[in-house]
Amino acid sequence: MPDPSPRTKLTLRLDRDLIEAAKRYADEQGTSLSRLVAGYFRALARQTEAERQPQAEEDWKDRLSPWTRSLLGRKPAVDLDEEDYYRYLEEKHR
């Protein structure tokens, strides 16, 4: 029975340090570098076109964690001016 997915050799030219780091990572994960790269390529192929599009600048808020997003638009509890800030720093670093 023929192999449903014949394998083909792929040659990549990468920085030597990157290759060594990738080999170590694959070894730590108990897999081969070929399987690691194949898994990455499969993940890329599964992405939808929308996922591959660069994020629009106005979408930056959606990428924040809920906690960080909750801080947007809030003002400090105390209204300090620059002089107060420098006084605070002087006291702190005495």
PDB file of N, CA and C in Angstrom:
ATOM      1  N   MET A   1       0.850  -1.182   0.000  1.00  0.00           N
ATOM      2  CA  MET A   1       0.000   0.000   0.000  1.00  0.00           C
ATOM      3  C   MET A   1       0.892   1.240   0.000  1.00  0.00           C
ATOM      4  N   PRO A   2       0.697   2.184  -0.926  1.00  0.00           N
ATOM      5  CA  PRO A   2       1.548   3.377  -0.994  1.00  0.00           C
ATOM      6  C   PRO A   2       1.303   4.317   0.182  1.00  0.00           C
ATOM      7  N   ASP A   3       2.350   5.014   0.564  1.00  0.00           N
ATOM      8  CA  ASP A   3       2.272   6.006   1.644  1.00  0.00           C
ATOM      9  C   ASP A   3       1.359   7.145   1.198  1.00  0.00           C
ATOM     10  N   PRO A   4       0.295   7.473   1.991  1.00  0.00           N
ATOM     11  CA  PRO A   4      -0.629   8.539   1.579  1.00  0.00           C
ATOM     12  C   PRO A   4       0.020   9.921   1.537  1.00  0.00           C
ATOM     13  N   SER A   5       1.088  10.107   2.266  1.00  0.00           N
ATOM     14  CA  SER A   5       1.761  11.409   2.239  1.00  0.00           C
ATOM     15  C   SER A   5       3.257  11.184   2.047  1.00  0.00           C
ATOM     16  N   PRO A   6       3.689  11.085   0.783  1.00  0.00           N
ATOM     17  CA  PRO A   6       5.115  10.854   0.534  1.00  0.00           C
ATOM     18  C   PRO A   6       5.959  11.996   1.095  1.00  0.00           C
ATOM     19  N   ARG A   7       7.103  11.642   1.582  1.00  0.00           N
ATOM     20  CA  ARG A   7       7.987  12.637   2.189  1.00  0.00           C
ATOM     21  C   ARG A   7       8.997  13.138   1.171  1.00  0.00           C
ATOM     22  N   THR A   8       9.320  14.415   1.294  1.00  0.00           N
ATOM     23  CA  THR A   8      10.290  15.058   0.422  1.00  0.00           C
ATOM     24  C   THR A   8      11.295  15.784   1.290  1.00  0.00           C
ATOM     25  N   LYS A   9      12.527  15.785   0.869  1.00  0.00           N
ATOM     26  CA  LYS A   9      13.578  16.467   1.618  1.00  0.00           C
ATOM     27  C   LYS A   9      13.465  17.975   1.400  1.00  0.00           C
ATOM     28  N   LEU A  10      13.697  18.740   2.459  1.00  0.00           N
ATOM     29  CA  LEU A  10      13.668  20.201   2.411  1.00  0.00           C
ATOM     30  C   LEU A  10      14.981  20.706   2.995  1.00  0.00           C
ATOM     31  N   THR A  11      15.636  21.600   2.303  1.00  0.00           N
ATOM     32  CA  THR A  11      16.882  22.188   2.792  1.00  0.00           C
ATOM     33  C   THR A  11      16.613  23.625   3.205  1.00  0.00           C
ATOM     34  N   LEU A  12      16.966  23.943   4.443  1.00  0.00           N
ATOM     35  CA  LEU A  12      16.818  25.307   4.956  1.00  0.00           C
ATOM     36  C   LEU A  12      18.194  25.844   5.301  1.00  0.00           C
ATOM     37  N   ARG A  13      18.419  27.087   5.027  1.00  0.00           N
ATOM     38  CA  ARG A  13      19.675  27.735   5.401  1.00  0.00           C
ATOM     39  C   ARG A  13      19.359  28.723   6.522  1.00  0.00           C
ATOM     40  N   LEU A  14      19.825  28.369   7.724  1.00  0.00           N
ATOM     41  CA  LEU A  14      19.541  29.167   8.909  1.00  0.00           C
ATOM     42  C   LEU A  14      20.821  29.399   9.694  1.00  0.00           C
ATOM     43  N   ASP A  15      20.764  30.346  10.591  1.00  0.00           N
ATOM     44  CA  ASP A  15      21.874  30.637  11.486  1.00  0.00           C
ATOM     45  C   ASP A  15      22.226  29.378  12.294  1.00  0.00           C
ATOM     46  N   ARG A  16      23.500  29.080  12.389  1.00  0.00           N
ATOM     47  CA  ARG A  16      23.962  27.872  13.077  1.00  0.00           C
ATOM     48  C   ARG A  16      23.447  27.810  14.520  1.00  0.00           C
ATOM     49  N   ASP A  17      23.501  28.939  15.236  1.00  0.00           N
ATOM     50  CA  ASP A  17      23.040  28.952  16.629  1.00  0.00           C
ATOM     51  C   ASP A  17      21.550  28.640  16.720  1.00  0.00           C
ATOM     52  N   LEU A  18      20.781  29.138  15.772  1.00  0.00           N
ATOM     53  CA  LEU A  18      19.346  28.866  15.753  1.00  0.00           C
ATOM     54  C   LEU A  18      19.089  27.377  15.533  1.00  0.00           C
ATOM     55  N   ILE A  19      19.825  26.783  14.623  1.00  0.00           N
ATOM     56  CA  ILE A  19      19.668  25.351  14.354  1.00  0.00           C
ATOM     57  C   ILE A  19      20.013  24.534  15.595  1.00  0.00           C
ATOM     58  N   GLU A  20      21.111  24.871  16.251  1.00  0.00           N
ATOM     59  CA  GLU A  20      21.514  24.134  17.455  1.00  0.00           C
ATOM     60  C   GLU A  20      20.471  24.281  18.561  1.00  0.00           C
ATOM     61  N   ALA A  21      19.949  25.490  18.735  1.00  0.00           N
ATOM     62  CA  ALA A  21      18.919  25.713  19.754  1.00  0.00           C
ATOM     63  C   ALA A  21      17.660  24.915  19.423  1.00  0.00           C
ATOM     64  N   ALA A  22      17.289  24.879  18.155  1.00  0.00           N
ATOM     65  CA  ALA A  22      16.101  24.129  17.739  1.00  0.00           C
ATOM     66  C   ALA A  22      16.301  22.631  17.953  1.00  0.00           C
ATOM     67  N   LYS A  23      17.499  22.133  17.682  1.00  0.00           N
ATOM     68  CA  LYS A  23      17.794  20.714  17.907  1.00  0.00           C
ATOM     69  C   LYS A  23      17.694  20.370  19.390  1.00  0.00           C
ATOM     70  N   ARG A  24      18.241  21.254  20.239  1.00  0.00           N
ATOM     71  CA  ARG A  24      18.157  21.019  21.689  1.00  0.00           C
ATOM     72  C   ARG A  24      16.699  21.004  22.140  1.00  0.00           C
ATOM     73  N   TYR A  25      15.923  21.966  21.639  1.00  0.00           N
ATOM     74  CA  TYR A  25      14.508  22.040  22.011  1.00  0.00           C
ATOM     75  C   TYR A  25      13.779  20.765  21.582  1.00  0.00           C
ATOM     76  N   ALA A  26      14.010  20.326  20.350  1.00  0.00           N
ATOM     77  CA  ALA A  26      13.363  19.108  19.852  1.00  0.00           C
ATOM     78  C   ALA A  26      13.742  17.916  20.726  1.00  0.00           C
ATOM     79  N   ASP A  27      15.021  17.823  21.089  1.00  0.00           N
ATOM     80  CA  ASP A  27      15.486  16.734  21.940  1.00  0.00           C
ATOM     81  C   ASP A  27      14.801  16.782  23.307  1.00  0.00           C
ATOM     82  N   GLU A  28      14.691  17.978  23.880  1.00  0.00           N
ATOM     83  CA  GLU A  28      14.025  18.133  25.181  1.00  0.00           C
ATOM     84  C   GLU A  28      12.552  17.736  25.106  1.00  0.00           C
ATOM     85  N   GLN A  29      11.950  17.936  23.939  1.00  0.00           N
ATOM     86  CA  GLN A  29      10.540  17.600  23.756  1.00  0.00           C
ATOM     87  C   GLN A  29      10.344  16.140  23.344  1.00  0.00           C
ATOM     88  N   GLY A  30      11.442  15.429  23.152  1.00  0.00           N
ATOM     89  CA  GLY A  30      11.365  14.023  22.772  1.00  0.00           C
ATOM     90  C   GLY A  30      10.891  13.813  21.342  1.00  0.00           C
ATOM     91  N   THR A  31      11.264  14.709  20.464  1.00  0.00           N
ATOM     92  CA  THR A  31      10.863  14.604  19.065  1.00  0.00           C
ATOM     93  C   THR A  31      12.044  14.962  18.172  1.00  0.00           C
ATOM     94  N   SER A  32      11.839  14.838  16.888  1.00  0.00           N
ATOM     95  CA  SER A  32      12.903  15.202  15.952  1.00  0.00           C
ATOM     96  C   SER A  32      12.669  16.618  15.450  1.00  0.00           C
ATOM     97  N   LEU A  33      13.723  17.200  14.925  1.00  0.00           N
ATOM     98  CA  LEU A  33      13.606  18.540  14.355  1.00  0.00           C
ATOM     99  C   LEU A  33      12.647  18.520  13.164  1.00  0.00           C
ATOM    100  N   SER A  34      12.686  17.451  12.373  1.00  0.00           N
ATOM    101  CA  SER A  34      11.772  17.336  11.232  1.00  0.00           C
ATOM    102  C   SER A  34      10.316  17.333  11.686  1.00  0.00           C
ATOM    103  N   ARG A  35      10.013  16.580  12.734  1.00  0.00           N
ATOM    104  CA  ARG A  35       8.629  16.543  13.238  1.00  0.00           C
ATOM    105  C   ARG A  35       8.225  17.890  13.822  1.00  0.00           C
ATOM    106  N   LEU A  36       9.160  18.539  14.484  1.00  0.00           N
ATOM    107  CA  LEU A  36       8.874  19.855  15.054  1.00  0.00           C
ATOM    108  C   LEU A  36       8.516  20.852  13.950  1.00  0.00           C
ATOM    109  N   VAL A  37       9.317  20.884  12.892  1.00  0.00           N
ATOM    110  CA  VAL A  37       9.071  21.794  11.770  1.00  0.00           C
ATOM    111  C   VAL A  37       7.772  21.416  11.060  1.00  0.00           C
ATOM    112  N   ALA A  38       7.537  20.120  10.866  1.00  0.00           N
ATOM    113  CA  ALA A  38       6.308  19.672  10.205  1.00  0.00           C
ATOM    114  C   ALA A  38       5.078  20.096  11.005  1.00  0.00           C
ATOM    115  N   GLY A  39       5.150  19.989  12.322  1.00  0.00           N
ATOM    116  CA  GLY A  39       4.030  20.421  13.165  1.00  0.00           C
ATOM    117  C   GLY A  39       3.772  21.911  13.031  1.00  0.00           C
ATOM    118  N   TYR A  40       4.841  22.685  12.962  1.00  0.00           N
ATOM    119  CA  TYR A  40       4.698  24.134  12.793  1.00  0.00           C
ATOM    120  C   TYR A  40       4.073  24.449  11.439  1.00  0.00           C
ATOM    121  N   PHE A  41       4.545  23.780  10.390  1.00  0.00           N
ATOM    122  CA  PHE A  41       3.985  24.008   9.053  1.00  0.00           C
ATOM    123  C   PHE A  41       2.505  23.619   9.010  1.00  0.00           C
ATOM    124  N   ARG A  42       2.132  22.501   9.680  1.00  0.00           N
ATOM    125  CA  ARG A  42       0.717  22.100   9.724  1.00  0.00           C
ATOM    126  C   ARG A  42      -0.121  23.162  10.424  1.00  0.00           C
ATOM    127  N   ALA A  43       0.405  23.711  11.525  1.00  0.00           N
ATOM    128  CA  ALA A  43      -0.328  24.756  12.255  1.00  0.00           C
ATOM    129  C   ALA A  43      -0.512  25.991  11.380  1.00  0.00           C
ATOM    130  N   LEU A  44       0.506  26.356  10.629  1.00  0.00           N
ATOM    131  CA  LEU A  44       0.387  27.502   9.722  1.00  0.00           C
ATOM    132  C   LEU A  44      -0.667  27.241   8.650  1.00  0.00           C
ATOM    133  N   ALA A  45      -0.675  26.035   8.117  1.00  0.00           N
ATOM    134  CA  ALA A  45      -1.616  25.694   7.048  1.00  0.00           C
ATOM    135  C   ALA A  45      -3.057  25.707   7.550  1.00  0.00           C
ATOM    136  N   ARG A  46      -3.275  25.414   8.842  1.00  0.00           N
ATOM    137  CA  ARG A  46      -4.633  25.392   9.399  1.00  0.00           C
ATOM    138  C   ARG A  46      -5.184  26.785   9.678  1.00  0.00           C
ATOM    139  N   GLN A  47      -4.319  27.765   9.762  1.00  0.00           N
ATOM    140  CA  GLN A  47      -4.792  29.120  10.050  1.00  0.00           C
ATOM    141  C   GLN A  47      -5.712  29.602   8.940  1.00  0.00           C
ATOM    142  N   THR A  48      -6.733  30.324   9.331  1.00  0.00           N
ATOM    143  CA  THR A  48      -7.620  30.912   8.335  1.00  0.00           C
ATOM    144  C   THR A  48      -6.962  32.164   7.767  1.00  0.00           C
ATOM    145  N   GLU A  49      -7.485  32.623   6.664  1.00  0.00           N
ATOM    146  CA  GLU A  49      -6.951  33.840   6.040  1.00  0.00           C
ATOM    147  C   GLU A  49      -7.024  35.009   7.014  1.00  0.00           C
ATOM    148  N   ALA A  50      -8.107  35.121   7.770  1.00  0.00           N
ATOM    149  CA  ALA A  50      -8.267  36.225   8.727  1.00  0.00           C
ATOM    150  C   ALA A  50      -7.187  36.182   9.799  1.00  0.00           C
ATOM    151  N   GLU A  51      -6.828  34.986  10.239  1.00  0.00           N
ATOM    152  CA  GLU A  51      -5.789  34.863  11.265  1.00  0.00           C
ATOM    153  C   GLU A  51      -4.425  35.269  10.726  1.00  0.00           C
ATOM    154  N   ARG A  52      -4.216  35.106   9.424  1.00  0.00           N
ATOM    155  CA  ARG A  52      -2.924  35.455   8.839  1.00  0.00           C
ATOM    156  C   ARG A  52      -2.798  36.943   8.553  1.00  0.00           C
ATOM    157  N   GLN A  53      -3.903  37.668   8.538  1.00  0.00           N
ATOM    158  CA  GLN A  53      -3.868  39.098   8.249  1.00  0.00           C
ATOM    159  C   GLN A  53      -3.241  39.839   9.427  1.00  0.00           C
ATOM    160  N   PRO A  54      -2.455  40.873   9.155  1.00  0.00           N
ATOM    161  CA  PRO A  54      -1.888  41.656  10.262  1.00  0.00           C
ATOM    162  C   PRO A  54      -3.003  42.302  11.074  1.00  0.00           C
ATOM    163  N   GLN A  55      -2.770  42.406  12.351  1.00  0.00           N
ATOM    164  CA  GLN A  55      -3.754  43.029  13.237  1.00  0.00           C
ATOM    165  C   GLN A  55      -3.891  44.505  12.894  1.00  0.00           C
ATOM    166  N   ALA A  56      -5.109  44.967  12.803  1.00  0.00           N
ATOM    167  CA  ALA A  56      -5.351  46.388  12.554  1.00  0.00           C
ATOM    168  C   ALA A  56      -4.951  47.173  13.796  1.00  0.00           C
ATOM    169  N   GLU A  57      -4.487  48.382  13.597  1.00  0.00           N
ATOM    170  CA  GLU A  57      -4.024  49.211  14.716  1.00  0.00           C
ATOM    171  C   GLU A  57      -5.135  49.419  15.740  1.00  0.00           C
ATOM    172  N   GLU A  58      -6.379  49.537  15.287  1.00  0.00           N
ATOM    173  CA  GLU A  58      -7.469  49.784  16.234  1.00  0.00           C
ATOM    174  C   GLU A  58      -7.818  48.539  17.045  1.00  0.00           C
ATOM    175  N   ASP A  59      -7.281  47.380  16.686  1.00  0.00           N
ATOM    176  CA  ASP A  59      -7.555  46.149  17.424  1.00  0.00           C
ATOM    177  C   ASP A  59      -6.629  45.963  18.625  1.00  0.00           C
ATOM    178  N   TRP A  60      -5.750  46.909  18.891  1.00  0.00           N
ATOM    179  CA  TRP A  60      -4.769  46.722  19.956  1.00  0.00           C
ATOM    180  C   TRP A  60      -5.435  46.526  21.307  1.00  0.00           C
ATOM    181  N   LYS A  61      -6.578  47.155  21.541  1.00  0.00           N
ATOM    182  CA  LYS A  61      -7.254  46.993  22.830  1.00  0.00           C
ATOM    183  C   LYS A  61      -7.732  45.559  23.029  1.00  0.00           C
ATOM    184  N   ASP A  62      -8.132  44.908  21.945  1.00  0.00           N
ATOM    185  CA  ASP A  62      -8.610  43.529  22.033  1.00  0.00           C
ATOM    186  C   ASP A  62      -7.503  42.564  22.418  1.00  0.00           C
ATOM    187  N   ARG A  63      -6.257  42.933  22.191  1.00  0.00           N
ATOM    188  CA  ARG A  63      -5.136  42.053  22.503  1.00  0.00           C
ATOM    189  C   ARG A  63      -4.659  42.205  23.948  1.00  0.00           C
ATOM    190  N   LEU A  64      -5.235  43.154  24.685  1.00  0.00           N
ATOM    191  CA  LEU A  64      -4.852  43.352  26.082  1.00  0.00           C
ATOM    192  C   LEU A  64      -5.546  42.323  26.960  1.00  0.00           C
ATOM    193  N   SER A  65      -4.922  42.013  28.087  1.00  0.00           N
ATOM    194  CA  SER A  65      -5.574  41.121  29.042  1.00  0.00           C
ATOM    195  C   SER A  65      -6.776  41.850  29.641  1.00  0.00           C
ATOM    196  N   PRO A  66      -7.759  41.114  30.159  1.00  0.00           N
ATOM    197  CA  PRO A  66      -8.931  41.774  30.751  1.00  0.00           C
ATOM    198  C   PRO A  66      -8.553  42.758  31.859  1.00  0.00           C
ATOM    199  N   TRP A  67      -7.573  42.393  32.687  1.00  0.00           N
ATOM    200  CA  TRP A  67      -7.179  43.282  33.777  1.00  0.00           C
ATOM    201  C   TRP A  67      -6.607  44.585  33.228  1.00  0.00           C
ATOM    202  N   THR A  68      -5.708  44.490  32.252  1.00  0.00           N
ATOM    203  CA  THR A  68      -5.113  45.690  31.661  1.00  0.00           C
ATOM    204  C   THR A  68      -6.181  46.527  30.979  1.00  0.00           C
ATOM    205  N   ARG A  69      -7.089  45.866  30.267  1.00  0.00           N
ATOM    206  CA  ARG A  69      -8.161  46.582  29.580  1.00  0.00           C
ATOM    207  C   ARG A  69      -9.037  47.341  30.585  1.00  0.00           C
ATOM    208  N   SER A  70      -9.207  46.780  31.793  1.00  0.00           N
ATOM    209  CA  SER A  70     -10.038  47.443  32.803  1.00  0.00           C
ATOM    210  C   SER A  70      -9.424  48.754  33.281  1.00  0.00           C
ATOM    211  N   LEU A  71      -8.119  48.936  33.081  1.00  0.00           N
ATOM    212  CA  LEU A  71      -7.451  50.162  33.519  1.00  0.00           C
ATOM    213  C   LEU A  71      -7.561  51.296  32.505  1.00  0.00           C
ATOM    214  N   LEU A  72      -7.964  50.991  31.285  1.00  0.00           N
ATOM    215  CA  LEU A  72      -8.050  52.017  30.245  1.00  0.00           C
ATOM    216  C   LEU A  72      -9.022  53.118  30.650  1.00  0.00           C
ATOM    217  N   GLY A  73      -8.588  54.347  30.478  1.00  0.00           N
ATOM    218  CA  GLY A  73      -9.455  55.487  30.750  1.00  0.00           C
ATOM    219  C   GLY A  73      -9.539  55.887  32.205  1.00  0.00           C
ATOM    220  N   ARG A  74      -8.945  55.122  33.084  1.00  0.00           N
ATOM    221  CA  ARG A  74      -8.986  55.483  34.506  1.00  0.00           C
ATOM    222  C   ARG A  74      -7.955  56.558  34.793  1.00  0.00           C
ATOM    223  N   LYS A  75      -8.297  57.403  35.738  1.00  0.00           N
ATOM    224  CA  LYS A  75      -7.368  58.455  36.159  1.00  0.00           C
ATOM    225  C   LYS A  75      -6.810  58.091  37.528  1.00  0.00           C
ATOM    226  N   PRO A  76      -5.631  58.578  37.833  1.00  0.00           N
ATOM    227  CA  PRO A  76      -5.069  58.300  39.161  1.00  0.00           C
ATOM    228  C   PRO A  76      -5.985  58.836  40.258  1.00  0.00           C
ATOM    229  N   ALA A  77      -5.972  58.155  41.397  1.00  0.00           N
ATOM    230  CA  ALA A  77      -6.818  58.572  42.514  1.00  0.00           C
ATOM    231  C   ALA A  77      -6.408  59.941  43.042  1.00  0.00           C
ATOM    232  N   VAL A  78      -5.136  60.277  42.928  1.00  0.00           N
ATOM    233  CA  VAL A  78      -4.629  61.549  43.423  1.00  0.00           C
ATOM    234  C   VAL A  78      -4.058  62.327  42.243  1.00  0.00           C
ATOM    235  N   ASP A  79      -4.342  63.604  42.191  1.00  0.00           N
ATOM    236  CA  ASP A  79      -3.830  64.443  41.114  1.00  0.00           C
ATOM    237  C   ASP A  79      -2.517  65.072  41.568  1.00  0.00           C
ATOM    238  N   LEU A  80      -1.392  64.477  41.169  1.00  0.00           N
ATOM    239  CA  LEU A  80      -0.077  64.971  41.562  1.00  0.00           C
ATOM    240  C   LEU A  80       0.532  65.765  40.422  1.00  0.00           C
ATOM    241  N   ASP A  81       1.201  66.844  40.788  1.00  0.00           N
ATOM    242  CA  ASP A  81       1.911  67.582  39.749  1.00  0.00           C
ATOM    243  C   ASP A  81       3.377  67.130  39.749  1.00  0.00           C
ATOM    244  N   GLU A  82       4.154  67.674  38.856  1.00  0.00           N
ATOM    245  CA  GLU A  82       5.543  67.260  38.694  1.00  0.00           C
ATOM    246  C   GLU A  82       6.359  67.517  39.958  1.00  0.00           C
ATOM    247  N   GLU A  83       6.110  68.628  40.620  1.00  0.00           N
ATOM    248  CA  GLU A  83       6.845  68.962  41.842  1.00  0.00           C
ATOM    249  C   GLU A  83       6.572  67.934  42.935  1.00  0.00           C
ATOM    250  N   ASP A  84       5.316  67.510  43.086  1.00  0.00           N
ATOM    251  CA  ASP A  84       4.978  66.476  44.067  1.00  0.00           C
ATOM    252  C   ASP A  84       5.709  65.171  43.756  1.00  0.00           C
ATOM    253  N   TYR A  85       5.791  64.855  42.494  1.00  0.00           N
ATOM    254  CA  TYR A  85       6.447  63.623  42.073  1.00  0.00           C
ATOM    255  C   TYR A  85       7.928  63.645  42.453  1.00  0.00           C
ATOM    256  N   TYR A  86       8.607  64.744  42.175  1.00  0.00           N
ATOM    257  CA  TYR A  86      10.027  64.835  42.514  1.00  0.00           C
ATOM    258  C   TYR A  86      10.237  64.810  44.027  1.00  0.00           C
ATOM    259  N   ARG A  87       9.346  65.429  44.776  1.00  0.00           N
ATOM    260  CA  ARG A  87       9.434  65.380  46.239  1.00  0.00           C
ATOM    261  C   ARG A  87       9.301  63.933  46.723  1.00  0.00           C
ATOM    262  N   TYR A  88       8.369  63.225  46.136  1.00  0.00           N
ATOM    263  CA  TYR A  88       8.170  61.823  46.484  1.00  0.00           C
ATOM    264  C   TYR A  88       9.440  61.010  46.213  1.00  0.00           C
ATOM    265  N   LEU A  89      10.050  61.216  45.047  1.00  0.00           N
ATOM    266  CA  LEU A  89      11.268  60.482  44.705  1.00  0.00           C
ATOM    267  C   LEU A  89      12.414  60.811  45.650  1.00  0.00           C
ATOM    268  N   GLU A  90      12.535  62.080  46.032  1.00  0.00           N
ATOM    269  CA  GLU A  90      13.597  62.468  46.964  1.00  0.00           C
ATOM    270  C   GLU A  90      13.407  61.774  48.305  1.00  0.00           C
ATOM    271  N   GLU A  91      12.177  61.718  48.790  1.00  0.00           N
ATOM    272  CA  GLU A  91      11.895  61.050  50.064  1.00  0.00           C
ATOM    273  C   GLU A  91      12.185  59.546  49.960  1.00  0.00           C
ATOM    274  N   LYS A  92      11.782  58.983  48.866  1.00  0.00           N
ATOM    275  CA  LYS A  92      11.933  57.542  48.669  1.00  0.00           C
ATOM    276  C   LYS A  92      13.399  57.125  48.635  1.00  0.00           C
ATOM    277  N   HIS A  93      14.256  57.948  48.044  1.00  0.00           N
ATOM    278  CA  HIS A  93      15.653  57.561  47.839  1.00  0.00           C
ATOM    279  C   HIS A  93      16.612  58.229  48.812  1.00  0.00           C
ATOM    280  N   ARG A  94      16.155  58.604  49.952  1.00  0.00           N
ATOM    281  CA  ARG A  94      17.039  59.184  50.973  1.00  0.00           C
ATOM    282  C   ARG A  94      17.833  58.121  51.656  1.00  0.00           C
TER     283      ARG A  94
END
